[in-house]
C-alpha atoms as a PDB file:
ATOM      1  CA  UNK A   1     -33.470 -23.794 -32.219  1.00  0.00           C
ATOM      2  CA  UNK A   2     -34.557 -20.538 -30.657  1.00  0.00           C
ATOM      3  CA  UNK A   3     -33.253 -19.978 -27.063  1.00  0.00           C
ATOM      4  CA  UNK A   4     -35.144 -19.031 -24.433  1.00  0.00           C
ATOM      5  CA  UNK A   5     -34.728 -15.794 -22.796  1.00  0.00           C
ATOM      6  CA  UNK A   6     -33.504 -17.377 -19.818  1.00  0.00           C
ATOM      7  CA  UNK A   7     -31.122 -18.942 -21.374  1.00  0.00           C
ATOM      8  CA  UNK A   8     -29.825 -15.805 -23.169  1.00  0.00           C
ATOM      9  CA  UNK A   9     -29.233 -13.802 -20.297  1.00  0.00           C
ATOM     10  CA  UNK A  10     -27.733 -16.979 -18.475  1.00  0.00           C
ATOM     11  CA  UNK A  11     -25.307 -17.182 -21.076  1.00  0.00           C
ATOM     12  CA  UNK A  12     -24.640 -12.971 -20.812  1.00  0.00           C
ATOM     13  CA  UNK A  13     -24.125 -13.239 -18.150  1.00  0.00           C
ATOM     14  CA  UNK A  14     -21.075 -16.353 -18.343  1.00  0.00           C
ATOM     15  CA  UNK A  15     -19.601 -14.433 -20.918  1.00  0.00           C
ATOM     16  CA  UNK A  16     -19.105 -11.247 -18.420  1.00  0.00           C
ATOM     17  CA  UNK A  17     -18.308 -13.510 -15.690  1.00  0.00           C
ATOM     18  CA  UNK A  18     -15.383 -15.483 -18.121  1.00  0.00           C
ATOM     19  CA  UNK A  19     -14.279 -11.374 -18.704  1.00  0.00           C
ATOM     20  CA  UNK A  20     -14.220 -11.080 -14.776  1.00  0.00           C
ATOM     21  CA  UNK A  21     -12.174 -14.116 -14.346  1.00  0.00           C
ATOM     22  CA  UNK A  22     -10.073 -12.722 -17.237  1.00  0.00           C
ATOM     23  CA  UNK A  23      -9.191  -9.703 -15.567  1.00  0.00           C
ATOM     24  CA  UNK A  24      -8.530 -10.853 -12.483  1.00  0.00           C
ATOM     25  CA  UNK A  25      -5.742 -13.247 -13.712  1.00  0.00           C
ATOM     26  CA  UNK A  26      -4.323 -10.616 -15.857  1.00  0.00           C
ATOM     27  CA  UNK A  27      -3.360  -8.155 -13.074  1.00  0.00           C
ATOM     28  CA  UNK A  28      -0.605 -10.498 -12.100  1.00  0.00           C
ATOM     29  CA  UNK A  29       1.309 -10.047 -15.326  1.00  0.00           C
ATOM     30  CA  UNK A  30       1.618  -6.236 -13.605  1.00  0.00           C
ATOM     31  CA  UNK A  31       4.875  -8.606 -11.783  1.00  0.00           C
ATOM     32  CA  UNK A  32       6.235  -9.059 -14.998  1.00  0.00           C
ATOM     33  CA  UNK A  33       5.040  -6.256 -17.747  1.00  0.00           C
ATOM     34  CA  UNK A  34       6.638  -2.623 -17.208  1.00  0.00           C
ATOM     35  CA  UNK A  35       3.782   0.358 -17.546  1.00  0.00           C
ATOM     36  CA  UNK A  36       6.070   1.762 -20.215  1.00  0.00           C
ATOM     37  CA  UNK A  37       5.101  -1.362 -22.326  1.00  0.00           C
ATOM     38  CA  UNK A  38       1.552  -1.563 -20.835  1.00  0.00           C
ATOM     39  CA  UNK A  39       0.199   0.720 -18.398  1.00  0.00           C
ATOM     40  CA  UNK A  40      -3.533  -0.827 -18.284  1.00  0.00           C
ATOM     41  CA  UNK A  41      -2.604  -3.604 -16.536  1.00  0.00           C
ATOM     42  CA  UNK A  42      -1.996  -1.124 -13.526  1.00  0.00           C
ATOM     43  CA  UNK A  43      -5.415  -0.216 -13.880  1.00  0.00           C
ATOM     44  CA  UNK A  44      -7.555  -3.772 -13.333  1.00  0.00           C
ATOM     45  CA  UNK A  45      -4.495  -3.578  -9.964  1.00  0.00           C
ATOM     46  CA  UNK A  46      -6.379  -1.108  -9.046  1.00  0.00           C
ATOM     47  CA  UNK A  47     -10.241  -1.581  -9.378  1.00  0.00           C
ATOM     48  CA  UNK A  48      -9.232  -5.219  -8.241  1.00  0.00           C
ATOM     49  CA  UNK A  49     -11.087  -5.389  -4.655  1.00  0.00           C
ATOM     50  CA  UNK A  50     -14.476  -4.192  -7.422  1.00  0.00           C
ATOM     51  CA  UNK A  51     -13.608  -7.259  -9.750  1.00  0.00           C
ATOM     52  CA  UNK A  52     -13.088  -9.661  -7.132  1.00  0.00           C
ATOM     53  CA  UNK A  53     -16.803  -8.665  -5.300  1.00  0.00           C
ATOM     54  CA  UNK A  54     -18.617  -8.744  -8.805  1.00  0.00           C
ATOM     55  CA  UNK A  55     -16.833 -12.061  -9.265  1.00  0.00           C
ATOM     56  CA  UNK A  56     -17.949 -13.606  -5.874  1.00  0.00           C
ATOM     57  CA  UNK A  57     -21.711 -11.933  -6.391  1.00  0.00           C
ATOM     58  CA  UNK A  58     -21.743 -14.187  -9.749  1.00  0.00           C
ATOM     59  CA  UNK A  59     -20.446 -16.997  -8.477  1.00  0.00           C
ATOM     60  CA  UNK A  60     -23.492 -16.623  -5.403  1.00  0.00           C
ATOM     61  CA  UNK A  61     -25.589 -16.512  -8.581  1.00  0.00           C
ATOM     62  CA  UNK A  62     -24.663 -19.882 -10.407  1.00  0.00           C
ATOM     63  CA  UNK A  63     -24.992 -21.686  -7.108  1.00  0.00           C
ATOM     64  CA  UNK A  64     -28.574 -20.340  -6.755  1.00  0.00           C
ATOM     65  CA  UNK A  65     -29.789 -21.088  -9.992  1.00  0.00           C
ATOM     66  CA  UNK A  66     -27.453 -24.420  -9.484  1.00  0.00           C
ATOM     67  CA  UNK A  67     -25.972 -24.324 -12.728  1.00  0.00           C
ATOM     68  CA  UNK A  68     -22.773 -26.519 -12.885  1.00  0.00           C
ATOM     69  CA  UNK A  69     -20.303 -23.555 -13.886  1.00  0.00           C
ATOM     70  CA  UNK A  70     -20.578 -22.795 -10.506  1.00  0.00           C
ATOM     71  CA  UNK A  71     -17.923 -25.426  -9.929  1.00  0.00           C
ATOM     72  CA  UNK A  72     -14.613 -24.165 -11.583  1.00  0.00           C
ATOM     73  CA  UNK A  73     -16.074 -20.927 -10.387  1.00  0.00           C
ATOM     74  CA  UNK A  74     -15.740 -21.895  -6.906  1.00  0.00           C
ATOM     75  CA  UNK A  75     -12.655 -23.356  -7.232  1.00  0.00           C
ATOM     76  CA  UNK A  76     -11.389 -20.155  -8.907  1.00  0.00           C
ATOM     77  CA  UNK A  77     -12.148 -18.465  -6.077  1.00  0.00           C
ATOM     78  CA  UNK A  78     -10.216 -20.999  -3.481  1.00  0.00           C
ATOM     79  CA  UNK A  79      -7.419 -19.068  -5.678  1.00  0.00           C
ATOM     80  CA  UNK A  80      -7.691 -15.938  -5.196  1.00  0.00           C
ATOM     81  CA  UNK A  81      -7.529 -15.988  -1.558  1.00  0.00           C
ATOM     82  CA  UNK A  82      -4.172 -15.662  -1.803  1.00  0.00           C
ATOM     83  CA  UNK A  83      -4.081 -12.120  -3.011  1.00  0.00           C
ATOM     84  CA  UNK A  84      -7.178 -11.275  -0.883  1.00  0.00           C
ATOM     85  CA  UNK A  85      -4.586 -11.285   2.439  1.00  0.00           C
ATOM     86  CA  UNK A  86      -2.965  -8.169   0.555  1.00  0.00           C
ATOM     87  CA  UNK A  87      -6.441  -6.396   1.702  1.00  0.00           C
ATOM     88  CA  UNK A  88      -8.159  -7.859   4.431  1.00  0.00           C
ATOM     89  CA  UNK A  89      -7.038 -10.736   7.346  1.00  0.00           C
ATOM     90  CA  UNK A  90     -10.045 -12.668   9.110  1.00  0.00           C
ATOM     91  CA  UNK A  91      -7.748 -14.126  11.524  1.00  0.00           C
ATOM     92  CA  UNK A  92      -6.768 -12.699  15.302  1.00  0.00           C
ATOM     93  CA  UNK A  93      -2.834 -12.007  15.133  1.00  0.00           C
ATOM     94  CA  UNK A  94      -2.838 -10.220  18.188  1.00  0.00           C
ATOM     95  CA  UNK A  95      -2.485 -13.596  20.182  1.00  0.00           C
ATOM     96  CA  UNK A  96       0.840 -13.752  18.554  1.00  0.00           C
ATOM     97  CA  UNK A  97       3.658 -13.361  22.098  1.00  0.00           C
ATOM     98  CA  UNK A  98       5.358 -10.023  21.371  1.00  0.00           C
ATOM     99  CA  UNK A  99       8.786  -9.805  23.858  1.00  0.00           C
ATOM    100  CA  UNK A 100      10.293  -6.442  24.487  1.00  0.00           C
ATOM    101  CA  UNK A 101      12.912  -7.354  22.014  1.00  0.00           C
ATOM    102  CA  UNK A 102      10.525  -6.691  19.270  1.00  0.00           C
ATOM    103  CA  UNK A 103      10.841  -3.664  17.135  1.00  0.00           C
ATOM    104  CA  UNK A 104       7.198  -1.644  16.822  1.00  0.00           C
ATOM    105  CA  UNK A 105       6.795   0.593  13.349  1.00  0.00           C
ATOM    106  CA  UNK A 106       5.350   3.015  12.188  1.00  0.00           C
ATOM    107  CA  UNK A 107       4.704   4.433   8.750  1.00  0.00           C
ATOM    108  CA  UNK A 108       2.387   7.534   8.266  1.00  0.00           C
ATOM    109  CA  UNK A 109       1.405  10.144   5.662  1.00  0.00           C
ATOM    110  CA  UNK A 110       0.535  12.706   7.681  1.00  0.00           C
ATOM    111  CA  UNK A 111      -0.115  15.371   4.572  1.00  0.00           C
ATOM    112  CA  UNK A 112      -2.811  17.307   7.036  1.00  0.00           C
ATOM    113  CA  UNK A 113      -0.975  17.062  10.573  1.00  0.00           C
ATOM    114  CA  UNK A 114       0.629  20.408   9.762  1.00  0.00           C
ATOM    115  CA  UNK A 115      -0.090  22.596  12.708  1.00  0.00           C
ATOM    116  CA  UNK A 116       0.925  22.538  16.481  1.00  0.00           C
ATOM    117  CA  UNK A 117      -2.316  20.798  17.174  1.00  0.00           C
ATOM    118  CA  UNK A 118      -2.323  17.902  14.907  1.00  0.00           C
ATOM    119  CA  UNK A 119       1.598  17.533  15.687  1.00  0.00           C
ATOM    120  CA  UNK A 120       1.564  17.570  19.339  1.00  0.00           C
ATOM    121  CA  UNK A 121      -1.234  15.291  19.546  1.00  0.00           C
ATOM    122  CA  UNK A 122       0.943  13.103  16.959  1.00  0.00           C
ATOM    123  CA  UNK A 123       4.240  12.931  19.135  1.00  0.00           C
ATOM    124  CA  UNK A 124       1.723  12.024  21.931  1.00  0.00           C
ATOM    125  CA  UNK A 125       0.403   9.092  20.140  1.00  0.00           C
ATOM    126  CA  UNK A 126       3.903   7.930  19.362  1.00  0.00           C
ATOM    127  CA  UNK A 127       5.038   8.044  22.643  1.00  0.00           C
ATOM    128  CA  UNK A 128       1.999   6.445  23.985  1.00  0.00           C
ATOM    129  CA  UNK A 129       2.321   3.557  21.217  1.00  0.00           C
ATOM    130  CA  UNK A 130       6.054   2.852  22.081  1.00  0.00           C
ATOM    131  CA  UNK A 131       6.618   3.276  18.534  1.00  0.00           C
ATOM    132  CA  UNK A 132      10.719   2.292  17.957  1.00  0.00           C
ATOM    133  CA  UNK A 133      10.685   3.503  14.424  1.00  0.00           C
ATOM    134  CA  UNK A 134       8.603   5.918  12.734  1.00  0.00           C
ATOM    135  CA  UNK A 135       8.317   6.503   8.830  1.00  0.00           C
ATOM    136  CA  UNK A 136       7.116  10.328   8.023  1.00  0.00           C
ATOM    137  CA  UNK A 137       5.668  11.019   4.407  1.00  0.00           C
ATOM    138  CA  UNK A 138       4.752  14.562   3.557  1.00  0.00           C
ATOM    139  CA  UNK A 139       5.877  15.629   7.336  1.00  0.00           C
ATOM    140  CA  UNK A 140       6.739  19.088   5.601  1.00  0.00           C
ATOM    141  CA  UNK A 141      10.388  18.922   7.527  1.00  0.00           C
ATOM    142  CA  UNK A 142      10.746  22.694   7.432  1.00  0.00           C
ATOM    143  CA  UNK A 143       8.058  22.531  10.712  1.00  0.00           C
ATOM    144  CA  UNK A 144       9.576  19.926  11.945  1.00  0.00           C
ATOM    145  CA  UNK A 145      12.737  21.448  12.415  1.00  0.00           C
ATOM    146  CA  UNK A 146      11.067  24.626  13.546  1.00  0.00           C
ATOM    147  CA  UNK A 147       9.171  22.778  16.384  1.00  0.00           C
ATOM    148  CA  UNK A 148      11.795  21.808  18.858  1.00  0.00           C
ATOM    149  CA  UNK A 149       9.347  20.180  20.851  1.00  0.00           C
ATOM    150  CA  UNK A 150       8.721  17.747  18.206  1.00  0.00           C
ATOM    151  CA  UNK A 151      10.142  14.496  18.815  1.00  0.00           C
ATOM    152  CA  UNK A 152      13.250  16.547  19.948  1.00  0.00           C
ATOM    153  CA  UNK A 153      14.080  13.505  22.332  1.00  0.00           C
ATOM    154  CA  UNK A 154      14.641  10.649  19.542  1.00  0.00           C
ATOM    155  CA  UNK A 155      17.090  10.383  16.606  1.00  0.00           C
ATOM    156  CA  UNK A 156      15.747  11.963  13.567  1.00  0.00           C
ATOM    157  CA  UNK A 157      16.565  12.236   9.905  1.00  0.00           C
ATOM    158  CA  UNK A 158      14.441  14.624   7.520  1.00  0.00           C
ATOM    159  CA  UNK A 159      14.757  14.999   4.118  1.00  0.00           C
ATOM    160  CA  UNK A 160      12.475  17.177   2.044  1.00  0.00           C
ATOM    161  CA  UNK A 161       9.044  16.205   2.241  1.00  0.00           C
ATOM    162  CA  UNK A 162       9.880  12.750   4.556  1.00  0.00           C
ATOM    163  CA  UNK A 163      11.364  11.585   7.516  1.00  0.00           C
ATOM    164  CA  UNK A 164      12.866   8.836   9.711  1.00  0.00           C
ATOM    165  CA  UNK A 165      12.166   9.421  13.647  1.00  0.00           C
ATOM    166  CA  UNK A 166      14.034   6.281  15.718  1.00  0.00           C
ATOM    167  CA  UNK A 167      14.535   5.499  19.807  1.00  0.00           C
ATOM    168  CA  UNK A 168      17.638   4.342  18.892  1.00  0.00           C
ATOM    169  CA  UNK A 169      20.725   5.656  17.174  1.00  0.00           C
ATOM    170  CA  UNK A 170      20.908   6.642  13.782  1.00  0.00           C
ATOM    171  CA  UNK A 171      24.810   5.940  12.187  1.00  0.00           C
ATOM    172  CA  UNK A 172      24.031   7.103   8.578  1.00  0.00           C
ATOM    173  CA  UNK A 173      21.294   9.112   6.549  1.00  0.00           C
ATOM    174  CA  UNK A 174      21.172   9.689   3.206  1.00  0.00           C
ATOM    175  CA  UNK A 175      18.950  10.800   0.406  1.00  0.00           C
ATOM    176  CA  UNK A 176      17.770   9.020  -1.951  1.00  0.00           C
ATOM    177  CA  UNK A 177      18.066  10.990  -5.145  1.00  0.00           C
ATOM    178  CA  UNK A 178      14.317  10.002  -7.453  1.00  0.00           C
ATOM    179  CA  UNK A 179      13.288  11.521 -10.669  1.00  0.00           C
ATOM    180  CA  UNK A 180      10.283  13.888 -11.161  1.00  0.00           C
ATOM    181  CA  UNK A 181       8.636  14.534  -7.582  1.00  0.00           C
ATOM    182  CA  UNK A 182       9.203  11.249  -5.796  1.00  0.00           C
ATOM    183  CA  UNK A 183      11.416  11.406  -2.261  1.00  0.00           C
ATOM    184  CA  UNK A 184      13.545   8.729  -0.602  1.00  0.00           C
ATOM    185  CA  UNK A 185      15.903   8.826   1.827  1.00  0.00           C
ATOM    186  CA  UNK A 186      18.248   5.620   3.726  1.00  0.00           C
ATOM    187  CA  UNK A 187      19.097   5.632   7.473  1.00  0.00           C
ATOM    188  CA  UNK A 188      21.154   3.049   9.408  1.00  0.00           C
ATOM    189  CA  UNK A 189      20.268   2.070  12.885  1.00  0.00           C
ATOM    190  CA  UNK A 190      22.048   0.578  15.845  1.00  0.00           C
ATOM    191  CA  UNK A 191      19.481  -1.094  17.881  1.00  0.00           C
ATOM    192  CA  UNK A 192      22.464  -3.244  20.271  1.00  0.00           C
ATOM    193  CA  UNK A 193      24.871  -4.809  18.101  1.00  0.00           C
ATOM    194  CA  UNK A 194      22.575  -5.606  14.943  1.00  0.00           C
ATOM    195  CA  UNK A 195      22.407  -2.658  12.089  1.00  0.00           C
ATOM    196  CA  UNK A 196      18.816  -2.320  10.657  1.00  0.00           C
ATOM    197  CA  UNK A 197      18.762  -0.239   7.191  1.00  0.00           C
ATOM    198  CA  UNK A 198      15.640   1.651   7.039  1.00  0.00           C
ATOM    199  CA  UNK A 199      14.038   3.233   3.624  1.00  0.00           C
ATOM    200  CA  UNK A 200      11.319   5.685   3.802  1.00  0.00           C
ATOM    201  CA  UNK A 201       9.579   5.862   0.415  1.00  0.00           C
ATOM    202  CA  UNK A 202       6.921   8.661  -0.698  1.00  0.00           C
ATOM    203  CA  UNK A 203       6.170   8.235  -4.418  1.00  0.00           C
ATOM    204  CA  UNK A 204       5.003  10.201  -7.118  1.00  0.00           C
ATOM    205  CA  UNK A 205       1.437  11.650  -6.335  1.00  0.00           C
ATOM    206  CA  UNK A 206      -1.514  10.827  -8.945  1.00  0.00           C
ATOM    207  CA  UNK A 207      -2.355  14.680  -9.121  1.00  0.00           C
ATOM    208  CA  UNK A 208      -5.892  13.808  -8.804  1.00  0.00           C
ATOM    209  CA  UNK A 209      -8.835  16.210  -7.412  1.00  0.00           C
ATOM    210  CA  UNK A 210     -12.491  15.427  -6.631  1.00  0.00           C
ATOM    211  CA  UNK A 211     -13.500  17.355  -9.336  1.00  0.00           C
ATOM    212  CA  UNK A 212     -12.340  14.449 -11.747  1.00  0.00           C
ATOM    213  CA  UNK A 213     -14.928  12.799 -10.732  1.00  0.00           C
ATOM    214  CA  UNK A 214     -18.172  15.019 -11.104  1.00  0.00           C
ATOM    215  CA  UNK A 215     -19.567  15.657 -14.228  1.00  0.00           C
ATOM    216  CA  UNK A 216     -22.632  17.280 -15.317  1.00  0.00           C
ATOM    217  CA  UNK A 217     -22.672  16.412 -19.094  1.00  0.00           C
ATOM    218  CA  UNK A 218     -21.442  13.628 -21.341  1.00  0.00           C
ATOM    219  CA  UNK A 219     -19.128  15.558 -22.743  1.00  0.00           C
ATOM    220  CA  UNK A 220     -17.821  16.976 -19.362  1.00  0.00           C
ATOM    221  CA  UNK A 221     -18.018  13.142 -17.992  1.00  0.00           C
ATOM    222  CA  UNK A 222     -15.870  11.783 -21.292  1.00  0.00           C
ATOM    223  CA  UNK A 223     -12.942  14.634 -20.869  1.00  0.00           C
ATOM    224  CA  UNK A 224     -12.608  13.863 -16.985  1.00  0.00           C
ATOM    225  CA  UNK A 225     -12.292   9.991 -18.072  1.00  0.00           C
ATOM    226  CA  UNK A 226      -9.719  10.675 -20.639  1.00  0.00           C
ATOM    227  CA  UNK A 227      -7.889  13.132 -18.497  1.00  0.00           C
ATOM    228  CA  UNK A 228      -8.225  10.513 -15.460  1.00  0.00           C
ATOM    229  CA  UNK A 229      -6.547   8.133 -17.742  1.00  0.00           C
ATOM    230  CA  UNK A 230      -3.732  10.418 -18.929  1.00  0.00           C
ATOM    231  CA  UNK A 231      -3.127  10.906 -15.190  1.00  0.00           C
ATOM    232  CA  UNK A 232      -2.742   7.699 -14.196  1.00  0.00           C
ATOM    233  CA  UNK A 233      -1.040   6.400 -16.799  1.00  0.00           C
ATOM    234  CA  UNK A 234       0.952   8.852 -16.816  1.00  0.00           C
ATOM    235  CA  UNK A 235       1.704   8.358 -12.998  1.00  0.00           C
ATOM    236  CA  UNK A 236       2.633   4.613 -13.543  1.00  0.00           C
ATOM    237  CA  UNK A 237       5.053   4.967 -16.040  1.00  0.00           C
ATOM    238  CA  UNK A 238       6.870   7.861 -13.701  1.00  0.00           C
ATOM    239  CA  UNK A 239       6.679   5.279 -10.789  1.00  0.00           C
ATOM    240  CA  UNK A 240       8.360   2.834 -12.923  1.00  0.00           C
ATOM    241  CA  UNK A 241      11.488   4.742 -13.135  1.00  0.00           C
ATOM    242  CA  UNK A 242      11.023   5.634  -9.264  1.00  0.00           C
ATOM    243  CA  UNK A 243      10.800   2.174  -7.890  1.00  0.00           C
ATOM    244  CA  UNK A 244      13.474   0.570 -10.245  1.00  0.00           C
ATOM    245  CA  UNK A 245      15.906   2.782  -9.156  1.00  0.00           C
ATOM    246  CA  UNK A 246      14.601   1.768  -5.295  1.00  0.00           C
ATOM    247  CA  UNK A 247      14.857  -1.888  -5.803  1.00  0.00           C
ATOM    248  CA  UNK A 248      18.694  -1.344  -6.311  1.00  0.00           C
ATOM    249  CA  UNK A 249      19.074   0.227  -2.906  1.00  0.00           C
ATOM    250  CA  UNK A 250      16.909  -3.075  -1.122  1.00  0.00           C
ATOM    251  CA  UNK A 251      18.992  -5.235  -3.225  1.00  0.00           C
ATOM    252  CA  UNK A 252      22.357  -4.133  -2.441  1.00  0.00           C
ATOM    253  CA  UNK A 253      21.704  -4.106   1.262  1.00  0.00           C
ATOM    254  CA  UNK A 254      24.135  -5.275   3.404  1.00  0.00           C
ATOM    255  CA  UNK A 255      21.595  -5.057   6.903  1.00  0.00           C
ATOM    256  CA  UNK A 256      18.297  -6.466   7.105  1.00  0.00           C
ATOM    257  CA  UNK A 257      15.591  -4.104   5.526  1.00  0.00           C
ATOM    258  CA  UNK A 258      13.000  -1.799   6.585  1.00  0.00           C
ATOM    259  CA  UNK A 259      10.850  -0.704   3.858  1.00  0.00           C
ATOM    260  CA  UNK A 260       8.530   1.628   4.522  1.00  0.00           C
ATOM    261  CA  UNK A 261       6.000   4.336   2.462  1.00  0.00           C
ATOM    262  CA  UNK A 262       3.396   5.789   0.436  1.00  0.00           C
ATOM    263  CA  UNK A 263       3.352   4.066  -2.548  1.00  0.00           C
ATOM    264  CA  UNK A 264       0.624   5.625  -4.386  1.00  0.00           C
ATOM    265  CA  UNK A 265      -0.291   2.201  -5.520  1.00  0.00           C
ATOM    266  CA  UNK A 266      -2.281  -0.660  -4.445  1.00  0.00           C
ATOM    267  CA  UNK A 267      -1.736  -4.179  -4.109  1.00  0.00           C
ATOM    268  CA  UNK A 268      -0.700  -6.007  -7.425  1.00  0.00           C
ATOM    269  CA  UNK A 269       0.704  -3.487  -9.192  1.00  0.00           C
ATOM    270  CA  UNK A 270       3.935  -3.164 -10.748  1.00  0.00           C
ATOM    271  CA  UNK A 271       5.668  -0.955  -7.681  1.00  0.00           C
ATOM    272  CA  UNK A 272       4.566  -3.288  -5.299  1.00  0.00           C
ATOM    273  CA  UNK A 273       5.558  -6.275  -7.175  1.00  0.00           C
ATOM    274  CA  UNK A 274       9.158  -4.689  -7.471  1.00  0.00           C
ATOM    275  CA  UNK A 275       9.487  -3.135  -3.821  1.00  0.00           C
ATOM    276  CA  UNK A 276       8.029  -6.094  -2.419  1.00  0.00           C
ATOM    277  CA  UNK A 277      10.455  -8.595  -4.971  1.00  0.00           C
ATOM    278  CA  UNK A 278      12.582 -10.077  -1.914  1.00  0.00           C
ATOM    279  CA  UNK A 279      10.784  -8.448   0.691  1.00  0.00           C
ATOM    280  CA  UNK A 280       7.522  -9.474   2.437  1.00  0.00           C
ATOM    281  CA  UNK A 281       4.265  -7.234   2.976  1.00  0.00           C
ATOM    282  CA  UNK A 282       4.055  -7.641   6.638  1.00  0.00           C
ATOM    283  CA  UNK A 283       0.291  -6.658   6.345  1.00  0.00           C
ATOM    284  CA  UNK A 284       0.243 -10.040   4.277  1.00  0.00           C
ATOM    285  CA  UNK A 285       2.017 -12.013   6.519  1.00  0.00           C
ATOM    286  CA  UNK A 286      -0.224 -11.017  10.187  1.00  0.00           C
ATOM    287  CA  UNK A 287      -2.101  -8.316   9.216  1.00  0.00           C
ATOM    288  CA  UNK A 288      -5.532  -7.978  10.992  1.00  0.00           C
ATOM    289  CA  UNK A 289      -8.875  -6.342   9.782  1.00  0.00           C
ATOM    290  CA  UNK A 290      -8.894  -3.986   6.393  1.00  0.00           C
ATOM    291  CA  UNK A 291      -5.678  -2.730   5.530  1.00  0.00           C
ATOM    292  CA  UNK A 292      -6.555  -0.008   3.128  1.00  0.00           C
ATOM    293  CA  UNK A 293      -4.815   3.530   3.846  1.00  0.00           C
ATOM    294  CA  UNK A 294      -5.987   6.374   1.879  1.00  0.00           C
ATOM    295  CA  UNK A 295      -9.926   7.294   1.940  1.00  0.00           C
ATOM    296  CA  UNK A 296     -10.220  10.673   1.137  1.00  0.00           C
ATOM    297  CA  UNK A 297     -11.407   9.897  -2.464  1.00  0.00           C
ATOM    298  CA  UNK A 298     -14.766   7.620  -2.279  1.00  0.00           C
ATOM    299  CA  UNK A 299     -13.151   4.295  -2.744  1.00  0.00           C
ATOM    300  CA  UNK A 300     -10.818   3.804  -0.120  1.00  0.00           C
ATOM    301  CA  UNK A 301      -7.466   1.836  -0.867  1.00  0.00           C
ATOM    302  CA  UNK A 302      -4.318   0.477   0.111  1.00  0.00           C
ATOM    303  CA  UNK A 303      -1.206   2.702  -0.434  1.00  0.00           C
ATOM    304  CA  UNK A 304       0.801   2.941   2.768  1.00  0.00           C
ATOM    305  CA  UNK A 305       3.158  -0.159   3.256  1.00  0.00           C
ATOM    306  CA  UNK A 306       5.879  -1.946   5.662  1.00  0.00           C
ATOM    307  CA  UNK A 307       7.778  -4.111   4.026  1.00  0.00           C
ATOM    308  CA  UNK A 308      10.993  -6.487   5.749  1.00  0.00           C
ATOM    309  CA  UNK A 309      13.426  -8.892   4.783  1.00  0.00           C
ATOM    310  CA  UNK A 310      13.186 -12.290   5.445  1.00  0.00           C
ATOM    311  CA  UNK A 311      15.714 -11.653   8.622  1.00  0.00           C
ATOM    312  CA  UNK A 312      12.319 -10.250  10.367  1.00  0.00           C
ATOM    313  CA  UNK A 313       9.498 -12.632  11.562  1.00  0.00           C
ATOM    314  CA  UNK A 314       6.057 -10.554  11.330  1.00  0.00           C
ATOM    315  CA  UNK A 315       3.858 -11.067  14.881  1.00  0.00           C
ATOM    316  CA  UNK A 316       1.556  -8.285  13.908  1.00  0.00           C
ATOM    317  CA  UNK A 317       0.093  -5.169  11.760  1.00  0.00           C
ATOM    318  CA  UNK A 318      -2.531  -3.142  11.728  1.00  0.00           C
ATOM    319  CA  UNK A 319      -4.312   0.149  10.308  1.00  0.00           C
ATOM    320  CA  UNK A 320      -4.922   2.597  12.773  1.00  0.00           C
ATOM    321  CA  UNK A 321      -8.564   3.982  12.123  1.00  0.00           C
ATOM    322  CA  UNK A 322      -8.591   6.159  15.055  1.00  0.00           C
ATOM    323  CA  UNK A 323      -6.087   8.493  13.811  1.00  0.00           C
ATOM    324  CA  UNK A 324      -7.464  11.056  11.615  1.00  0.00           C
ATOM    325  CA  UNK A 325      -4.530  13.682  11.247  1.00  0.00           C
ATOM    326  CA  UNK A 326      -4.691  13.122   7.713  1.00  0.00           C
ATOM    327  CA  UNK A 327      -6.371  11.427   4.933  1.00  0.00           C
ATOM    328  CA  UNK A 328      -4.148   8.278   5.216  1.00  0.00           C
ATOM    329  CA  UNK A 329      -4.577   6.389   8.611  1.00  0.00           C
ATOM    330  CA  UNK A 330      -1.184   5.240  10.117  1.00  0.00           C
ATOM    331  CA  UNK A 331      -0.227   1.634   9.466  1.00  0.00           C
ATOM    332  CA  UNK A 332       1.551   0.383  12.707  1.00  0.00           C
ATOM    333  CA  UNK A 333       3.599  -3.447  12.891  1.00  0.00           C
ATOM    334  CA  UNK A 334       5.522  -5.434  15.424  1.00  0.00           C
ATOM    335  CA  UNK A 335       8.946  -7.355  14.051  1.00  0.00           C
ATOM    336  CA  UNK A 336      10.777  -9.799  15.257  1.00  0.00           C
ATOM    337  CA  UNK A 337      14.340  -9.310  14.284  1.00  0.00           C
ATOM    338  CA  UNK A 338      16.112 -13.158  13.908  1.00  0.00           C
ATOM    339  CA  UNK A 339      15.016 -16.085  15.534  1.00  0.00           C
END
């Protein structure tokens, strides 16, 4: 029996849709499979929003065609709503009651805020938003130290390319030594009778540039693709060693923990699952709007995070896209310690 062209096209689309659905499932293996063993699940995490969008388009097509396969794919879509909260929230969490005792947290990679004008504007923003604890990445501490007016009235701890600034006393501070070009530090903040451990993280970048996404010839495109894959898989493997070390600091903390940073990794990645393990992703808990924080490579992604231990109640979290001193946006959150 010869199949009609319509049926052949439908079968091809069905196979493609099944492959997309399989990839959407495989991404969760990042929770268990180390990048040194198989780094390519990390690539699926990077492409997750695109894969999800394609899945939804296919599902709508089956609905319009009144195909029975719509039913299982629709049910599958319901399960995808849970990880979707790592990327976007439609609910209005700004109605939650906020107390003066709550903590307001900010994490921000300020890569391009390296002149007086931007630093003063950033300082004014922090004061205006009444940020209790601010985590900075690529802050270039030599510039911070040379500008006596930058957050001079606060308690500050700076190490290499990262820093933490607090309204409350910092009673202990420590640089965390990581291999490669990754940076982290840990401070203990005293807020009344409570001690909060704050860990700031900047994982090794992937060393990409925009030229890698441009090609005028087929061979050039092939070379760029191979270079891109090499940089990404190498970066994933380096991150594995770095986050495994950081996970021990988080686990061994005797105090409630807030972890903020630029992981140079997307949600559903090995890095994300490893850092989040015993913590809550605050945006996932109570985010508002789109969660993407980095926008300079034509493909907006979420790589800046605020995590908190179970001792905290997450009340509010959002990305402030009005602040453009960098190629990242700051992430802000309000946390309540205890009940």
